[in-house]
């Protein structure tokens, strides 16, 4: 369990959290909702250590392995969809490795994960036909689906998704939601979304920030 106890955090011109508490149970699904500027992405940054709370504590996160879809896609633009997924999975397990080391490690990792397994997952989000296209050739919605597959295939016990459906049409969004639901396999989920229906479809508890 991850416990957020009475944290406070401010930017120079705005207080985002004051005495805020929340917990994430093992295997629990949570959807963060609220207007822009209420701290949804800030909370994710506090959990992942990119920001530090001014007071209060966050416990349990140190025992978690995390896979994440960020607001920005963070893809290697000249690498293919498959390569980005394999590089990302390696980076998630070995974050201190250089890009050159990751390329070497990818040879070993691809033997374990197998290219056809990655393509099978891409097919589940209607991207098998784009498996070998470089990321720079993909549309915005296609890039988001690559990022989603990368997060779901990475070893983790907490999956964090920051507005993962940006740029997707309704059909691909529904497909992506089904893919998340079927791929969590007991892992906890913390997702930022503006649509209550997304939370309802995934059976997620809604936490509203204001």
Protein backbone atom coordinates (compact mmCIF):
# COMPACT_ATOMS: atom_id res chain seq x y z
CA UNK A 1 0.00 0.00 0.00
CA UNK A 2 1.14 3.54 -0.81
CA UNK A 3 0.20 6.10 1.82
CA UNK A 4 0.20 9.84 1.14
CA UNK A 5 -0.02 11.60 4.52
CA UNK A 6 -0.80 15.31 4.95
CA UNK A 7 1.48 16.55 2.16
CA UNK A 8 1.81 20.17 1.11
CA UNK A 9 3.33 21.50 -2.08
CA UNK A 10 3.41 24.93 -3.73
CA UNK A 11 4.78 26.51 -6.85
CA UNK A 12 6.08 30.10 -6.48
CA UNK A 13 2.73 31.55 -7.50
CA UNK A 14 0.26 28.91 -6.34
CA UNK A 15 -0.41 26.41 -3.57
CA UNK A 16 -1.32 23.04 -5.09
CA UNK A 17 -1.66 20.79 -2.03
CA UNK A 18 -2.22 21.65 1.61
CA UNK A 19 -2.55 18.80 4.12
CA UNK A 20 -3.55 16.34 1.37
CA UNK A 21 -3.85 12.62 2.13
CA UNK A 22 -4.66 9.59 -0.03
CA UNK A 23 -3.83 5.91 -0.17
CA UNK A 24 -3.38 3.45 -3.02
CA UNK A 25 -4.12 -0.13 -2.04
CA UNK A 26 -2.45 -3.15 -3.59
CA UNK A 27 -4.09 -3.81 -6.93
CA UNK A 28 -6.43 -0.82 -6.54
CA UNK A 29 -7.55 1.23 -9.54
CA UNK A 30 -7.78 4.99 -9.03
CA UNK A 31 -8.69 7.74 -11.48
CA UNK A 32 -7.60 11.30 -10.66
CA UNK A 33 -10.02 13.92 -11.94
CA UNK A 34 -10.37 17.67 -11.66
CA UNK A 35 -9.95 20.90 -13.62
CA UNK A 36 -6.60 21.85 -15.12
CA UNK A 37 -4.20 23.25 -12.54
CA UNK A 38 -5.56 21.29 -9.58
CA UNK A 39 -2.44 19.15 -9.21
CA UNK A 40 -3.10 15.87 -11.03
CA UNK A 41 0.26 15.72 -12.83
CA UNK A 42 1.98 17.33 -9.83
CA UNK A 43 0.78 14.46 -7.64
CA UNK A 44 2.21 11.95 -10.11
CA UNK A 45 5.52 13.82 -10.04
CA UNK A 46 5.54 13.70 -6.23
CA UNK A 47 4.92 9.96 -6.30
CA UNK A 48 7.67 9.31 -8.84
CA UNK A 49 10.19 11.53 -7.05
CA UNK A 50 10.44 14.20 -9.73
CA UNK A 51 9.14 16.67 -7.13
CA UNK A 52 9.46 16.69 -3.35
CA UNK A 53 6.67 17.58 -0.91
CA UNK A 54 7.33 20.53 1.40
CA UNK A 55 5.79 18.68 4.33
CA UNK A 56 4.05 15.42 5.04
CA UNK A 57 5.18 12.01 3.84
CA UNK A 58 4.72 9.44 1.10
CA UNK A 59 5.38 5.89 2.26
CA UNK A 60 5.34 2.57 0.42
CA UNK A 61 6.37 4.01 -2.93
CA UNK A 62 9.97 2.92 -2.40
CA UNK A 63 8.92 -0.72 -2.56
CA UNK A 64 7.06 -0.23 -5.86
CA UNK A 65 8.28 -0.69 -9.39
CA UNK A 66 6.48 1.78 -11.65
CA UNK A 67 5.65 1.82 -15.34
CA UNK A 68 4.25 5.06 -16.71
CA UNK A 69 2.71 6.87 -19.64
CA UNK A 70 3.72 10.54 -19.33
CA UNK A 71 1.82 13.48 -20.77
CA UNK A 72 4.53 13.75 -23.42
CA UNK A 73 5.26 10.62 -25.42
CA UNK A 74 9.02 10.26 -24.73
CA UNK A 75 9.70 8.09 -27.78
CA UNK A 76 12.92 7.80 -29.76
CA UNK A 77 11.66 9.39 -32.97
CA UNK A 78 13.84 7.36 -35.35
CA UNK A 79 13.28 4.03 -33.60
CA UNK A 80 10.37 1.83 -34.62
CA UNK A 81 7.34 1.16 -32.45
CA UNK A 82 8.76 -2.26 -31.51
CA UNK A 83 12.19 -0.83 -30.72
CA UNK A 84 10.71 1.91 -28.55
CA UNK A 85 8.77 -0.66 -26.55
CA UNK A 86 11.80 -2.90 -26.06
CA UNK A 87 14.09 0.01 -25.18
CA UNK A 88 11.48 1.31 -22.76
CA UNK A 89 11.04 -2.04 -21.04
CA UNK A 90 14.81 -2.32 -20.59
CA UNK A 91 15.00 1.26 -19.31
CA UNK A 92 12.25 0.56 -16.80
CA UNK A 93 14.24 -2.31 -15.31
CA UNK A 94 17.67 -0.70 -15.62
CA UNK A 95 17.19 3.11 -15.45
CA UNK A 96 20.90 3.96 -15.10
CA UNK A 97 21.92 2.42 -18.42
CA UNK A 98 23.05 4.60 -21.31
CA UNK A 99 21.26 4.46 -24.66
CA UNK A 100 24.21 2.52 -26.15
CA UNK A 101 24.07 -0.02 -23.33
CA UNK A 102 20.32 -0.32 -23.81
CA UNK A 103 20.83 -1.16 -27.47
CA UNK A 104 23.17 -4.00 -26.50
CA UNK A 105 20.86 -5.15 -23.72
CA UNK A 106 17.96 -5.10 -26.15
CA UNK A 107 19.52 -8.02 -28.01
CA UNK A 108 19.19 -10.13 -24.86
CA UNK A 109 15.84 -8.69 -23.83
CA UNK A 110 14.26 -9.31 -27.23
CA UNK A 111 15.12 -13.00 -26.85
CA UNK A 112 13.06 -13.05 -23.65
CA UNK A 113 10.18 -10.84 -24.76
CA UNK A 114 10.27 -11.87 -28.45
CA UNK A 115 9.33 -9.55 -31.25
CA UNK A 116 6.14 -11.48 -31.97
CA UNK A 117 4.94 -10.96 -28.37
CA UNK A 118 5.35 -7.22 -28.75
CA UNK A 119 3.56 -7.26 -32.08
CA UNK A 120 0.76 -9.29 -30.52
CA UNK A 121 0.28 -6.53 -27.96
CA UNK A 122 0.44 -3.86 -30.66
CA UNK A 123 -2.25 -5.76 -32.53
CA UNK A 124 -4.50 -5.55 -29.49
CA UNK A 125 -4.47 -1.76 -29.88
CA UNK A 126 -4.69 -1.88 -33.70
CA UNK A 127 -1.02 -1.07 -34.31
CA UNK A 128 0.49 -4.30 -35.67
CA UNK A 129 0.67 -2.74 -39.12
CA UNK A 130 2.82 0.08 -37.73
CA UNK A 131 5.24 -2.12 -35.79
CA UNK A 132 8.25 -1.17 -37.91
CA UNK A 133 7.40 2.46 -38.57
CA UNK A 134 9.64 5.04 -36.87
CA UNK A 135 7.89 6.99 -34.14
CA UNK A 136 8.28 10.23 -36.10
CA UNK A 137 5.95 8.77 -38.76
CA UNK A 138 3.16 7.95 -36.31
CA UNK A 139 0.15 10.13 -35.55
CA UNK A 140 -0.39 11.50 -32.06
CA UNK A 141 -2.94 8.83 -31.15
CA UNK A 142 -0.70 6.07 -32.49
CA UNK A 143 2.21 7.32 -30.38
CA UNK A 144 0.00 7.23 -27.28
CA UNK A 145 -0.88 3.61 -27.99
CA UNK A 146 2.81 2.71 -28.38
CA UNK A 147 3.47 4.36 -25.01
CA UNK A 148 0.59 2.44 -23.50
CA UNK A 149 1.87 -0.93 -24.74
CA UNK A 150 5.34 -0.04 -23.45
CA UNK A 151 3.95 0.71 -19.98
CA UNK A 152 1.77 -2.40 -19.83
CA UNK A 153 4.61 -4.70 -20.96
CA UNK A 154 7.10 -3.27 -18.47
CA UNK A 155 7.54 -5.11 -15.19
CA UNK A 156 5.83 -3.12 -12.46
CA UNK A 157 3.35 -3.34 -9.62
CA UNK A 158 2.05 0.21 -10.13
CA UNK A 159 0.96 1.55 -13.53
CA UNK A 160 0.66 5.35 -13.81
CA UNK A 161 -1.12 6.78 -16.85
CA UNK A 162 -1.22 10.55 -17.34
CA UNK A 163 -4.02 11.31 -19.83
CA UNK A 164 -3.21 8.20 -21.89
CA UNK A 165 -6.02 8.60 -24.44
CA UNK A 166 -4.98 11.98 -25.88
CA UNK A 167 -5.37 12.02 -29.66
CA UNK A 168 -7.34 8.77 -29.89
CA UNK A 169 -10.69 8.51 -31.63
CA UNK A 170 -13.55 6.85 -29.76
CA UNK A 171 -12.99 3.38 -31.26
CA UNK A 172 -9.28 3.31 -30.46
CA UNK A 173 -9.92 4.74 -27.01
CA UNK A 174 -12.36 1.95 -26.20
CA UNK A 175 -9.84 -0.56 -27.51
CA UNK A 176 -7.12 0.98 -25.33
CA UNK A 177 -9.34 0.88 -22.23
CA UNK A 178 -10.09 -2.80 -22.82
CA UNK A 179 -6.37 -3.43 -23.27
CA UNK A 180 -5.55 -1.74 -19.95
CA UNK A 181 -8.29 -3.67 -18.17
CA UNK A 182 -7.04 -7.01 -19.50
CA UNK A 183 -3.33 -6.28 -19.02
CA UNK A 184 -3.17 -4.97 -15.45
CA UNK A 185 -3.12 -8.51 -14.02
CA UNK A 186 -3.54 -7.40 -10.43
CA UNK A 187 -1.29 -4.35 -10.61
CA UNK A 188 -2.40 -1.06 -9.07
CA UNK A 189 -3.48 1.66 -11.50
CA UNK A 190 -3.31 5.42 -11.03
CA UNK A 191 -4.73 7.24 -14.05
CA UNK A 192 -5.42 10.87 -14.88
CA UNK A 193 -8.50 11.38 -17.03
CA UNK A 194 -11.12 14.06 -17.65
CA UNK A 195 -13.85 11.52 -18.45
CA UNK A 196 -15.78 9.85 -15.64
CA UNK A 197 -16.79 7.09 -18.05
CA UNK A 198 -13.13 6.04 -18.35
CA UNK A 199 -13.02 5.41 -14.61
CA UNK A 200 -16.37 3.63 -14.61
CA UNK A 201 -15.36 1.32 -17.47
CA UNK A 202 -12.14 0.37 -15.67
CA UNK A 203 -13.86 0.00 -12.32
CA UNK A 204 -11.64 2.71 -10.84
CA UNK A 205 -12.23 4.73 -7.70
CA UNK A 206 -12.48 8.42 -8.54
CA UNK A 207 -10.42 10.93 -6.57
CA UNK A 208 -11.41 14.50 -7.41
CA UNK A 209 -8.84 17.25 -6.96
CA UNK A 210 -10.02 20.83 -6.66
